[in-house]
Amino acid sequence: MAQINAAVDTLVGDWLSIPDVAARISIPIGRVKQLLRDRKLLAVARPDGSIAVPAAFLDGPQIVKGLQGTLTLLVDCGFGDVEALHWLFTEDETLPGTPIEAICRNRRTEVNRRAQALAF
């Protein structure tokens, strides 16, 4: 599990524990852990040692549509978990907003195109 620093922790902002994710999307904790293994979600160790998922990865009682594809693309482009979080939560004035905000607004194709461009 990747450990993040205080700067990335602050950049992400709101976090959910694994039990909180399970409660929010109404599945057992074991299923959340499977989602993490399958890279449908991403969790990291925060500076205080707790394991957490960015709250922005959930849209009400479900995972943000398109998140899994973007996470897979970032890994394929060589991003580690910390780098992926940093990229997803860093402002991009040309989107506008952050890549995760754009994904939430159904602009994942543009976000994925930009991620692919970073790999070359």
N, C-alpha and C. Protein backbone atom coordinates (compact mmCIF):
# COMPACT_ATOMS: atom_id res chain seq x y z
N MET A 1 0.86 -1.18 0.00
CA MET A 1 0.00 0.00 0.00
C MET A 1 0.90 1.24 0.00
N ALA A 2 0.65 2.13 -0.92
CA ALA A 2 1.46 3.34 -1.05
C ALA A 2 1.18 4.30 0.11
N GLN A 3 2.21 4.95 0.58
CA GLN A 3 2.12 5.95 1.64
C GLN A 3 2.19 7.33 0.98
N ILE A 4 1.25 8.20 1.30
CA ILE A 4 1.28 9.56 0.74
C ILE A 4 1.84 10.52 1.76
N ASN A 5 2.24 11.68 1.27
CA ASN A 5 2.73 12.72 2.16
C ASN A 5 1.61 13.72 2.47
N ALA A 6 1.89 14.66 3.33
CA ALA A 6 0.88 15.62 3.77
C ALA A 6 0.37 16.48 2.60
N ALA A 7 1.23 16.78 1.65
CA ALA A 7 0.81 17.62 0.52
C ALA A 7 -0.26 16.91 -0.32
N VAL A 8 -0.06 15.64 -0.62
CA VAL A 8 -1.05 14.89 -1.40
C VAL A 8 -2.31 14.68 -0.57
N ASP A 9 -2.14 14.44 0.73
CA ASP A 9 -3.29 14.27 1.62
C ASP A 9 -4.18 15.51 1.59
N THR A 10 -3.57 16.67 1.64
CA THR A 10 -4.30 17.93 1.60
C THR A 10 -4.92 18.16 0.23
N LEU A 11 -4.19 17.82 -0.81
CA LEU A 11 -4.68 17.99 -2.19
C LEU A 11 -5.98 17.21 -2.40
N VAL A 12 -6.02 15.98 -1.90
CA VAL A 12 -7.22 15.14 -2.06
C VAL A 12 -8.35 15.68 -1.21
N GLY A 13 -8.07 16.06 0.01
CA GLY A 13 -9.10 16.64 0.88
C GLY A 13 -9.89 15.62 1.66
N ASP A 14 -11.05 15.23 1.17
CA ASP A 14 -11.95 14.34 1.91
C ASP A 14 -11.62 12.88 1.63
N TRP A 15 -11.58 12.11 2.71
CA TRP A 15 -11.22 10.70 2.63
C TRP A 15 -12.29 9.84 3.30
N LEU A 16 -12.36 8.59 2.88
CA LEU A 16 -13.26 7.62 3.50
C LEU A 16 -12.45 6.38 3.89
N SER A 17 -12.71 5.87 5.09
CA SER A 17 -12.09 4.61 5.50
C SER A 17 -12.72 3.47 4.71
N ILE A 18 -12.09 2.33 4.74
CA ILE A 18 -12.64 1.16 4.04
C ILE A 18 -14.04 0.82 4.56
N PRO A 19 -14.26 0.80 5.89
CA PRO A 19 -15.62 0.55 6.39
C PRO A 19 -16.63 1.61 5.94
N ASP A 20 -16.18 2.87 5.84
CA ASP A 20 -17.07 3.94 5.37
C ASP A 20 -17.46 3.73 3.90
N VAL A 21 -16.49 3.30 3.08
CA VAL A 21 -16.79 3.01 1.67
C VAL A 21 -17.81 1.89 1.59
N ALA A 22 -17.58 0.83 2.36
CA ALA A 22 -18.50 -0.31 2.35
C ALA A 22 -19.91 0.12 2.73
N ALA A 23 -20.02 0.94 3.76
CA ALA A 23 -21.34 1.40 4.19
C ALA A 23 -21.98 2.29 3.13
N ARG A 24 -21.20 3.14 2.54
CA ARG A 24 -21.75 4.09 1.56
C ARG A 24 -22.27 3.41 0.30
N ILE A 25 -21.58 2.35 -0.15
CA ILE A 25 -22.04 1.68 -1.37
C ILE A 25 -22.74 0.36 -1.06
N SER A 26 -23.02 0.14 0.21
CA SER A 26 -23.83 -1.00 0.68
C SER A 26 -23.30 -2.36 0.25
N ILE A 27 -21.99 -2.56 0.49
CA ILE A 27 -21.39 -3.87 0.23
C ILE A 27 -20.52 -4.24 1.42
N PRO A 28 -20.18 -5.53 1.56
CA PRO A 28 -19.31 -5.94 2.66
C PRO A 28 -17.89 -5.38 2.50
N ILE A 29 -17.18 -5.25 3.60
CA ILE A 29 -15.80 -4.76 3.58
C ILE A 29 -14.94 -5.63 2.68
N GLY A 30 -15.16 -6.93 2.70
CA GLY A 30 -14.39 -7.84 1.85
C GLY A 30 -14.55 -7.52 0.37
N ARG A 31 -15.72 -7.09 -0.01
CA ARG A 31 -15.97 -6.72 -1.41
C ARG A 31 -15.23 -5.43 -1.76
N VAL A 32 -15.16 -4.48 -0.81
CA VAL A 32 -14.39 -3.25 -1.05
C VAL A 32 -12.93 -3.61 -1.27
N LYS A 33 -12.41 -4.52 -0.46
CA LYS A 33 -11.01 -4.94 -0.63
C LYS A 33 -10.79 -5.59 -1.99
N GLN A 34 -11.78 -6.32 -2.48
CA GLN A 34 -11.69 -6.91 -3.81
C GLN A 34 -11.68 -5.81 -4.88
N LEU A 35 -12.50 -4.78 -4.71
CA LEU A 35 -12.51 -3.65 -5.64
C LEU A 35 -11.13 -2.98 -5.68
N LEU A 36 -10.47 -2.91 -4.53
CA LEU A 36 -9.13 -2.33 -4.48
C LEU A 36 -8.13 -3.23 -5.20
N ARG A 37 -8.21 -4.54 -4.99
CA ARG A 37 -7.31 -5.47 -5.68
C ARG A 37 -7.53 -5.42 -7.19
N ASP A 38 -8.78 -5.26 -7.60
CA ASP A 38 -9.12 -5.19 -9.03
C ASP A 38 -8.85 -3.81 -9.63
N ARG A 39 -8.39 -2.88 -8.82
CA ARG A 39 -8.09 -1.50 -9.21
C ARG A 39 -9.31 -0.76 -9.74
N LYS A 40 -10.46 -1.10 -9.20
CA LYS A 40 -11.67 -0.34 -9.51
C LYS A 40 -11.76 0.86 -8.57
N LEU A 41 -11.03 0.79 -7.48
CA LEU A 41 -10.86 1.87 -6.51
C LEU A 41 -9.38 1.92 -6.15
N LEU A 42 -8.99 3.01 -5.52
CA LEU A 42 -7.61 3.19 -5.09
C LEU A 42 -7.61 3.65 -3.65
N ALA A 43 -6.83 2.96 -2.82
CA ALA A 43 -6.67 3.36 -1.42
C ALA A 43 -5.18 3.53 -1.15
N VAL A 44 -4.86 4.41 -0.24
CA VAL A 44 -3.48 4.66 0.15
C VAL A 44 -3.39 4.80 1.66
N ALA A 45 -2.17 4.70 2.17
CA ALA A 45 -1.92 4.97 3.58
C ALA A 45 -1.70 6.47 3.74
N ARG A 46 -2.52 7.09 4.57
CA ARG A 46 -2.40 8.53 4.81
C ARG A 46 -1.25 8.80 5.78
N PRO A 47 -0.83 10.06 5.95
CA PRO A 47 0.27 10.36 6.85
C PRO A 47 0.06 9.85 8.28
N ASP A 48 -1.20 9.77 8.72
CA ASP A 48 -1.46 9.26 10.08
C ASP A 48 -1.49 7.74 10.15
N GLY A 49 -1.25 7.07 9.01
CA GLY A 49 -1.20 5.62 8.98
C GLY A 49 -2.51 4.95 8.61
N SER A 50 -3.62 5.71 8.57
CA SER A 50 -4.90 5.11 8.22
C SER A 50 -4.96 4.83 6.73
N ILE A 51 -5.70 3.78 6.37
CA ILE A 51 -5.90 3.41 4.97
C ILE A 51 -7.21 4.05 4.53
N ALA A 52 -7.19 4.76 3.42
CA ALA A 52 -8.38 5.50 3.01
C ALA A 52 -8.49 5.62 1.50
N VAL A 53 -9.72 5.88 1.06
CA VAL A 53 -10.08 6.08 -0.34
C VAL A 53 -10.55 7.53 -0.48
N PRO A 54 -10.14 8.24 -1.53
CA PRO A 54 -10.66 9.60 -1.73
C PRO A 54 -12.19 9.58 -1.85
N ALA A 55 -12.85 10.45 -1.11
CA ALA A 55 -14.31 10.52 -1.15
C ALA A 55 -14.81 10.88 -2.54
N ALA A 56 -14.01 11.60 -3.31
CA ALA A 56 -14.40 12.01 -4.66
C ALA A 56 -14.55 10.82 -5.61
N PHE A 57 -14.05 9.65 -5.22
CA PHE A 57 -14.17 8.47 -6.07
C PHE A 57 -15.56 7.85 -6.01
N LEU A 58 -16.39 8.34 -5.10
CA LEU A 58 -17.75 7.83 -4.99
C LEU A 58 -18.74 8.91 -5.36
N ASP A 59 -19.76 8.49 -6.07
CA ASP A 59 -20.86 9.37 -6.46
C ASP A 59 -22.11 8.81 -5.80
N GLY A 60 -22.43 9.33 -4.63
CA GLY A 60 -23.54 8.78 -3.86
C GLY A 60 -23.22 7.35 -3.49
N PRO A 61 -24.11 6.42 -3.81
CA PRO A 61 -23.89 5.02 -3.42
C PRO A 61 -23.16 4.18 -4.47
N GLN A 62 -22.40 4.81 -5.35
CA GLN A 62 -21.68 4.04 -6.37
C GLN A 62 -20.32 4.66 -6.67
N ILE A 63 -19.49 3.88 -7.33
CA ILE A 63 -18.18 4.36 -7.77
C ILE A 63 -18.39 5.26 -8.98
N VAL A 64 -17.63 6.34 -9.06
CA VAL A 64 -17.73 7.27 -10.19
C VAL A 64 -17.55 6.51 -11.50
N LYS A 65 -18.47 6.72 -12.39
CA LYS A 65 -18.44 6.06 -13.70
C LYS A 65 -17.17 6.47 -14.45
N GLY A 66 -16.46 5.49 -14.94
CA GLY A 66 -15.25 5.75 -15.71
C GLY A 66 -13.98 5.77 -14.90
N LEU A 67 -14.09 5.74 -13.57
CA LEU A 67 -12.89 5.80 -12.73
C LEU A 67 -11.97 4.61 -12.98
N GLN A 68 -12.52 3.42 -13.05
CA GLN A 68 -11.70 2.23 -13.23
C GLN A 68 -10.86 2.33 -14.50
N GLY A 69 -11.45 2.76 -15.59
CA GLY A 69 -10.71 2.88 -16.84
C GLY A 69 -9.57 3.88 -16.74
N THR A 70 -9.82 4.99 -16.06
CA THR A 70 -8.78 6.00 -15.90
C THR A 70 -7.66 5.48 -15.01
N LEU A 71 -8.01 4.79 -13.92
CA LEU A 71 -6.98 4.22 -13.04
C LEU A 71 -6.13 3.21 -13.80
N THR A 72 -6.76 2.38 -14.60
CA THR A 72 -6.03 1.39 -15.39
C THR A 72 -5.09 2.08 -16.38
N LEU A 73 -5.59 3.10 -17.04
CA LEU A 73 -4.79 3.85 -18.00
C LEU A 73 -3.58 4.49 -17.32
N LEU A 74 -3.78 5.08 -16.15
CA LEU A 74 -2.67 5.72 -15.44
C LEU A 74 -1.60 4.70 -15.07
N VAL A 75 -2.01 3.53 -14.60
CA VAL A 75 -1.05 2.47 -14.27
C VAL A 75 -0.31 2.03 -15.53
N ASP A 76 -1.04 1.85 -16.62
CA ASP A 76 -0.42 1.45 -17.88
C ASP A 76 0.58 2.49 -18.39
N CYS A 77 0.36 3.74 -18.03
CA CYS A 77 1.25 4.83 -18.44
C CYS A 77 2.43 4.99 -17.48
N GLY A 78 2.50 4.13 -16.45
CA GLY A 78 3.63 4.16 -15.54
C GLY A 78 3.42 4.92 -14.25
N PHE A 79 2.20 5.36 -13.98
CA PHE A 79 1.92 6.08 -12.75
C PHE A 79 1.83 5.10 -11.59
N GLY A 80 2.43 5.46 -10.46
CA GLY A 80 2.21 4.74 -9.22
C GLY A 80 0.94 5.29 -8.57
N ASP A 81 0.54 4.69 -7.47
CA ASP A 81 -0.68 5.14 -6.79
C ASP A 81 -0.61 6.60 -6.36
N VAL A 82 0.52 6.99 -5.78
CA VAL A 82 0.67 8.37 -5.30
C VAL A 82 0.66 9.35 -6.47
N GLU A 83 1.37 9.01 -7.53
CA GLU A 83 1.40 9.88 -8.71
C GLU A 83 0.03 9.99 -9.35
N ALA A 84 -0.70 8.88 -9.39
CA ALA A 84 -2.05 8.90 -9.96
C ALA A 84 -2.96 9.82 -9.14
N LEU A 85 -2.91 9.70 -7.81
CA LEU A 85 -3.72 10.59 -6.97
C LEU A 85 -3.35 12.05 -7.18
N HIS A 86 -2.05 12.31 -7.19
CA HIS A 86 -1.59 13.69 -7.38
C HIS A 86 -2.12 14.24 -8.71
N TRP A 87 -2.00 13.47 -9.78
CA TRP A 87 -2.47 13.93 -11.08
C TRP A 87 -3.98 14.13 -11.10
N LEU A 88 -4.72 13.18 -10.53
CA LEU A 88 -6.19 13.26 -10.55
C LEU A 88 -6.73 14.46 -9.77
N PHE A 89 -6.00 14.89 -8.75
CA PHE A 89 -6.50 15.96 -7.88
C PHE A 89 -5.79 17.30 -8.06
N THR A 90 -4.95 17.42 -9.08
CA THR A 90 -4.26 18.68 -9.35
C THR A 90 -5.07 19.49 -10.36
N GLU A 91 -5.28 20.76 -10.04
CA GLU A 91 -6.03 21.66 -10.93
C GLU A 91 -5.42 21.68 -12.33
N ASP A 92 -6.29 21.68 -13.32
CA ASP A 92 -5.88 21.82 -14.72
C ASP A 92 -6.82 22.86 -15.32
N GLU A 93 -6.31 24.07 -15.49
CA GLU A 93 -7.16 25.17 -15.94
C GLU A 93 -7.76 24.95 -17.32
N THR A 94 -7.20 24.04 -18.10
CA THR A 94 -7.75 23.78 -19.43
C THR A 94 -8.95 22.83 -19.39
N LEU A 95 -9.22 22.20 -18.24
CA LEU A 95 -10.38 21.28 -18.18
C LEU A 95 -11.71 22.01 -17.97
N PRO A 96 -11.97 22.92 -17.19
CA PRO A 96 -11.29 23.43 -16.00
C PRO A 96 -11.56 22.53 -14.79
N GLY A 97 -10.81 22.77 -13.74
CA GLY A 97 -10.92 21.97 -12.52
C GLY A 97 -9.85 20.89 -12.50
N THR A 98 -10.13 19.83 -11.77
CA THR A 98 -9.19 18.72 -11.68
C THR A 98 -9.66 17.58 -12.58
N PRO A 99 -8.76 16.67 -12.92
CA PRO A 99 -9.19 15.52 -13.72
C PRO A 99 -10.31 14.72 -13.05
N ILE A 100 -10.28 14.53 -11.73
CA ILE A 100 -11.35 13.77 -11.09
C ILE A 100 -12.68 14.51 -11.20
N GLU A 101 -12.65 15.82 -11.13
CA GLU A 101 -13.89 16.59 -11.31
C GLU A 101 -14.41 16.43 -12.74
N ALA A 102 -13.50 16.42 -13.70
CA ALA A 102 -13.92 16.24 -15.10
C ALA A 102 -14.51 14.85 -15.31
N ILE A 103 -13.92 13.83 -14.69
CA ILE A 103 -14.47 12.47 -14.80
C ILE A 103 -15.88 12.45 -14.23
N CYS A 104 -16.08 13.11 -13.11
CA CYS A 104 -17.41 13.17 -12.48
C CYS A 104 -18.42 13.90 -13.36
N ARG A 105 -17.94 14.79 -14.24
CA ARG A 105 -18.82 15.53 -15.16
C ARG A 105 -18.90 14.85 -16.53
N ASN A 106 -18.59 13.56 -16.57
CA ASN A 106 -18.66 12.77 -17.80
C ASN A 106 -17.71 13.25 -18.90
N ARG A 107 -16.54 13.75 -18.49
CA ARG A 107 -15.53 14.17 -19.48
C ARG A 107 -14.32 13.24 -19.41
N ARG A 108 -14.57 11.95 -19.13
CA ARG A 108 -13.47 11.01 -18.93
C ARG A 108 -12.66 10.77 -20.20
N THR A 109 -13.28 10.89 -21.37
CA THR A 109 -12.54 10.70 -22.61
C THR A 109 -11.43 11.74 -22.72
N GLU A 110 -11.72 12.98 -22.42
CA GLU A 110 -10.71 14.04 -22.46
C GLU A 110 -9.64 13.80 -21.40
N VAL A 111 -10.05 13.39 -20.21
CA VAL A 111 -9.09 13.11 -19.14
C VAL A 111 -8.17 11.97 -19.56
N ASN A 112 -8.73 10.92 -20.13
CA ASN A 112 -7.92 9.77 -20.55
C ASN A 112 -6.96 10.14 -21.68
N ARG A 113 -7.42 11.00 -22.58
CA ARG A 113 -6.54 11.45 -23.67
C ARG A 113 -5.32 12.19 -23.10
N ARG A 114 -5.56 13.03 -22.11
CA ARG A 114 -4.46 13.77 -21.48
C ARG A 114 -3.51 12.85 -20.73
N ALA A 115 -4.07 11.86 -20.06
CA ALA A 115 -3.23 10.89 -19.34
C ALA A 115 -2.35 10.12 -20.32
N GLN A 116 -2.92 9.71 -21.45
CA GLN A 116 -2.14 8.99 -22.45
C GLN A 116 -1.02 9.87 -23.01
N ALA A 117 -1.30 11.15 -23.18
CA ALA A 117 -0.28 12.06 -23.72
C ALA A 117 0.92 12.18 -22.77
N LEU A 118 0.68 12.03 -21.48
CA LEU A 118 1.77 12.14 -20.51
C LEU A 118 2.74 10.96 -20.62
N ALA A 119 2.27 9.85 -21.13
CA ALA A 119 3.11 8.64 -21.23
C ALA A 119 4.13 8.74 -22.36
N PHE A 120 3.93 9.68 -23.27
CA PHE A 120 4.83 9.77 -24.43
C PHE A 120 5.71 10.97 -24.40
